Amino acid sequence: MSRARMTDGKCPKCTTIVKFKVSGDVGKEIYECTSCMSKFSIDEL
């Protein structure tokens, strides 16, 4: 079990800069917005 990584980014839903919780394998990461709790793949960001 790896520790959750955090990264800053622009959430498509919040339209602001937020912190994302990053999980999943390299290349298939899932980014979860800590503000609205929506999940996005790298392709959507």
PDB file of N, CA and C in Angstrom:
ATOM      1  N   MET A   1       0.848  -1.201   0.000  1.00  0.00           N
ATOM      2  CA  MET A   1       0.000   0.000   0.000  1.00  0.00           C
ATOM      3  C   MET A   1       0.881   1.247   0.000  1.00  0.00           C
ATOM      4  N   SER A   2       0.768   2.034  -1.030  1.00  0.00           N
ATOM      5  CA  SER A   2       1.596   3.229  -1.121  1.00  0.00           C
ATOM      6  C   SER A   2       0.875   4.428  -0.518  1.00  0.00           C
ATOM      7  N   ARG A   3       1.653   5.365  -0.045  1.00  0.00           N
ATOM      8  CA  ARG A   3       1.091   6.579   0.530  1.00  0.00           C
ATOM      9  C   ARG A   3       0.469   7.422  -0.573  1.00  0.00           C
ATOM     10  N   ALA A   4      -0.624   8.081  -0.266  1.00  0.00           N
ATOM     11  CA  ALA A   4      -1.295   8.927  -1.255  1.00  0.00           C
ATOM     12  C   ALA A   4      -0.413  10.127  -1.583  1.00  0.00           C
ATOM     13  N   ARG A   5      -0.242  10.357  -2.866  1.00  0.00           N
ATOM     14  CA  ARG A   5       0.502  11.535  -3.305  1.00  0.00           C
ATOM     15  C   ARG A   5      -0.480  12.669  -3.525  1.00  0.00           C
ATOM     16  N   MET A   6      -0.015  13.886  -3.314  1.00  0.00           N
ATOM     17  CA  MET A   6      -0.859  15.053  -3.533  1.00  0.00           C
ATOM     18  C   MET A   6      -0.225  15.909  -4.624  1.00  0.00           C
ATOM     19  N   THR A   7      -1.061  16.515  -5.431  1.00  0.00           N
ATOM     20  CA  THR A   7      -0.565  17.420  -6.454  1.00  0.00           C
ATOM     21  C   THR A   7      -1.577  18.530  -6.670  1.00  0.00           C
ATOM     22  N   ASP A   8      -1.089  19.692  -7.087  1.00  0.00           N
ATOM     23  CA  ASP A   8      -1.980  20.808  -7.389  1.00  0.00           C
ATOM     24  C   ASP A   8      -2.375  20.751  -8.847  1.00  0.00           C
ATOM     25  N   GLY A   9      -3.590  21.161  -9.133  1.00  0.00           N
ATOM     26  CA  GLY A   9      -4.047  21.192 -10.509  1.00  0.00           C
ATOM     27  C   GLY A   9      -5.360  21.922 -10.612  1.00  0.00           C
ATOM     28  N   LYS A  10      -5.807  22.121 -11.846  1.00  0.00           N
ATOM     29  CA  LYS A  10      -7.071  22.812 -12.074  1.00  0.00           C
ATOM     30  C   LYS A  10      -8.176  21.785 -12.249  1.00  0.00           C
ATOM     31  N   CYS A  11      -9.157  21.823 -11.370  1.00  0.00           N
ATOM     32  CA  CYS A  11     -10.268  20.877 -11.438  1.00  0.00           C
ATOM     33  C   CYS A  11     -11.277  21.330 -12.484  1.00  0.00           C
ATOM     34  N   PRO A  12     -11.664  20.428 -13.412  1.00  0.00           N
ATOM     35  CA  PRO A  12     -12.651  20.773 -14.442  1.00  0.00           C
ATOM     36  C   PRO A  12     -14.002  21.165 -13.852  1.00  0.00           C
ATOM     37  N   LYS A  13     -14.350  20.616 -12.692  1.00  0.00           N
ATOM     38  CA  LYS A  13     -15.637  20.932 -12.065  1.00  0.00           C
ATOM     39  C   LYS A  13     -15.576  22.207 -11.235  1.00  0.00           C
ATOM     40  N   CYS A  14     -14.549  22.320 -10.394  1.00  0.00           N
ATOM     41  CA  CYS A  14     -14.427  23.494  -9.513  1.00  0.00           C
ATOM     42  C   CYS A  14     -13.945  24.721 -10.277  1.00  0.00           C
ATOM     43  N   THR A  15     -13.248  24.496 -11.391  1.00  0.00           N
ATOM     44  CA  THR A  15     -12.626  25.540 -12.214  1.00  0.00           C
ATOM     45  C   THR A  15     -11.683  26.432 -11.411  1.00  0.00           C
ATOM     46  N   THR A  16     -11.128  25.897 -10.344  1.00  0.00           N
ATOM     47  CA  THR A  16     -10.118  26.606  -9.569  1.00  0.00           C
ATOM     48  C   THR A  16      -8.932  25.677  -9.362  1.00  0.00           C
ATOM     49  N   ILE A  17      -7.837  26.228  -8.870  1.00  0.00           N
ATOM     50  CA  ILE A  17      -6.679  25.402  -8.548  1.00  0.00           C
ATOM     51  C   ILE A  17      -6.949  24.710  -7.216  1.00  0.00           C
ATOM     52  N   VAL A  18      -6.870  23.399  -7.237  1.00  0.00           N
ATOM     53  CA  VAL A  18      -7.178  22.602  -6.049  1.00  0.00           C
ATOM     54  C   VAL A  18      -6.074  21.576  -5.817  1.00  0.00           C
ATOM     55  N   LYS A  19      -6.158  20.865  -4.712  1.00  0.00           N
ATOM     56  CA  LYS A  19      -5.254  19.747  -4.451  1.00  0.00           C
ATOM     57  C   LYS A  19      -5.927  18.467  -4.910  1.00  0.00           C
ATOM     58  N   PHE A  20      -5.168  17.630  -5.604  1.00  0.00           N
ATOM     59  CA  PHE A  20      -5.656  16.328  -6.035  1.00  0.00           C
ATOM     60  C   PHE A  20      -4.948  15.241  -5.244  1.00  0.00           C
ATOM     61  N   LYS A  21      -5.696  14.218  -4.889  1.00  0.00           N
ATOM     62  CA  LYS A  21      -5.122  13.015  -4.298  1.00  0.00           C
ATOM     63  C   LYS A  21      -4.862  12.079  -5.466  1.00  0.00           C
ATOM     64  N   VAL A  22      -3.621  11.637  -5.635  1.00  0.00           N
ATOM     65  CA  VAL A  22      -3.246  10.810  -6.778  1.00  0.00           C
ATOM     66  C   VAL A  22      -3.145   9.354  -6.349  1.00  0.00           C
ATOM     67  N   SER A  23      -3.831   8.475  -7.088  1.00  0.00           N
ATOM     68  CA  SER A  23      -3.746   7.047  -6.798  1.00  0.00           C
ATOM     69  C   SER A  23      -3.723   6.268  -8.101  1.00  0.00           C
ATOM     70  N   GLY A  24      -3.343   5.004  -8.029  1.00  0.00           N
ATOM     71  CA  GLY A  24      -3.313   4.172  -9.225  1.00  0.00           C
ATOM     72  C   GLY A  24      -1.915   3.970  -9.761  1.00  0.00           C
ATOM     73  N   ASP A  25      -1.818   3.169 -10.811  1.00  0.00           N
ATOM     74  CA  ASP A  25      -0.529   2.839 -11.410  1.00  0.00           C
ATOM     75  C   ASP A  25      -0.018   3.978 -12.276  1.00  0.00           C
ATOM     76  N   VAL A  26       1.289   3.993 -12.490  1.00  0.00           N
ATOM     77  CA  VAL A  26       1.909   4.989 -13.356  1.00  0.00           C
ATOM     78  C   VAL A  26       1.310   4.889 -14.756  1.00  0.00           C
ATOM     79  N   GLY A  27       0.901   6.029 -15.289  1.00  0.00           N
ATOM     80  CA  GLY A  27       0.279   6.056 -16.607  1.00  0.00           C
ATOM     81  C   GLY A  27      -1.229   5.900 -16.566  1.00  0.00           C
ATOM     82  N   LYS A  28      -1.755   5.391 -15.442  1.00  0.00           N
ATOM     83  CA  LYS A  28      -3.207   5.207 -15.304  1.00  0.00           C
ATOM     84  C   LYS A  28      -3.687   5.824 -13.992  1.00  0.00           C
ATOM     85  N   GLU A  29      -3.029   6.918 -13.604  1.00  0.00           N
ATOM     86  CA  GLU A  29      -3.352   7.533 -12.321  1.00  0.00           C
ATOM     87  C   GLU A  29      -4.767   8.097 -12.298  1.00  0.00           C
ATOM     88  N   ILE A  30      -5.367   8.024 -11.131  1.00  0.00           N
ATOM     89  CA  ILE A  30      -6.668   8.644 -10.895  1.00  0.00           C
ATOM     90  C   ILE A  30      -6.432   9.842  -9.984  1.00  0.00           C
ATOM     91  N   TYR A  31      -6.947  10.992 -10.403  1.00  0.00           N
ATOM     92  CA  TYR A  31      -6.811  12.206  -9.615  1.00  0.00           C
ATOM     93  C   TYR A  31      -8.148  12.511  -8.960  1.00  0.00           C
ATOM     94  N   GLU A  32      -8.177  12.567  -7.625  1.00  0.00           N
ATOM     95  CA  GLU A  32      -9.402  12.870  -6.898  1.00  0.00           C
ATOM     96  C   GLU A  32      -9.315  14.273  -6.321  1.00  0.00           C
ATOM     97  N   CYS A  33     -10.240  15.127  -6.736  1.00  0.00           N
ATOM     98  CA  CYS A  33     -10.279  16.503  -6.252  1.00  0.00           C
ATOM     99  C   CYS A  33     -10.669  16.501  -4.780  1.00  0.00           C
ATOM    100  N   THR A  34      -9.870  17.155  -3.937  1.00  0.00           N
ATOM    101  CA  THR A  34     -10.163  17.173  -2.512  1.00  0.00           C
ATOM    102  C   THR A  34     -11.256  18.189  -2.178  1.00  0.00           C
ATOM    103  N   SER A  35     -11.644  18.993  -3.159  1.00  0.00           N
ATOM    104  CA  SER A  35     -12.705  19.982  -2.934  1.00  0.00           C
ATOM    105  C   SER A  35     -14.085  19.403  -3.243  1.00  0.00           C
ATOM    106  N   CYS A  36     -14.268  18.890  -4.472  1.00  0.00           N
ATOM    107  CA  CYS A  36     -15.591  18.373  -4.862  1.00  0.00           C
ATOM    108  C   CYS A  36     -15.658  16.847  -4.849  1.00  0.00           C
ATOM    109  N   MET A  37     -14.517  16.192  -4.574  1.00  0.00           N
ATOM    110  CA  MET A  37     -14.435  14.732  -4.487  1.00  0.00           C
ATOM    111  C   MET A  37     -14.666  14.012  -5.818  1.00  0.00           C
ATOM    112  N   SER A  38     -14.627  14.736  -6.929  1.00  0.00           N
ATOM    113  CA  SER A  38     -14.757  14.108  -8.244  1.00  0.00           C
ATOM    114  C   SER A  38     -13.438  13.443  -8.610  1.00  0.00           C
ATOM    115  N   LYS A  39     -13.533  12.370  -9.388  1.00  0.00           N
ATOM    116  CA  LYS A  39     -12.334  11.657  -9.816  1.00  0.00           C
ATOM    117  C   LYS A  39     -12.140  11.835 -11.314  1.00  0.00           C
ATOM    118  N   PHE A  40     -10.892  12.060 -11.699  1.00  0.00           N
ATOM    119  CA  PHE A  40     -10.557  12.284 -13.103  1.00  0.00           C
ATOM    120  C   PHE A  40      -9.343  11.455 -13.479  1.00  0.00           C
ATOM    121  N   SER A  41      -9.286  11.055 -14.747  1.00  0.00           N
ATOM    122  CA  SER A  41      -8.071  10.416 -15.243  1.00  0.00           C
ATOM    123  C   SER A  41      -7.150  11.520 -15.751  1.00  0.00           C
ATOM    124  N   ILE A  42      -5.903  11.184 -16.007  1.00  0.00           N
ATOM    125  CA  ILE A  42      -4.925  12.171 -16.480  1.00  0.00           C
ATOM    126  C   ILE A  42      -5.373  12.796 -17.801  1.00  0.00           C
ATOM    127  N   ASP A  43      -6.101  12.039 -18.625  1.00  0.00           N
ATOM    128  CA  ASP A  43      -6.561  12.546 -19.923  1.00  0.00           C
ATOM    129  C   ASP A  43      -7.569  13.677 -19.783  1.00  0.00           C
ATOM    130  N   GLU A  44      -8.306  13.709 -18.672  1.00  0.00           N
ATOM    131  CA  GLU A  44      -9.358  14.701 -18.488  1.00  0.00           C
ATOM    132  C   GLU A  44      -8.848  16.022 -17.927  1.00  0.00           C
ATOM    133  N   LEU A  45      -7.594  16.035 -17.471  1.00  0.00           N
ATOM    134  CA  LEU A  45      -7.077  17.235 -16.815  1.00  0.00           C
ATOM    135  C   LEU A  45      -6.257  18.099 -17.745  1.00  0.00           C
TER     136      LEU A  45
END
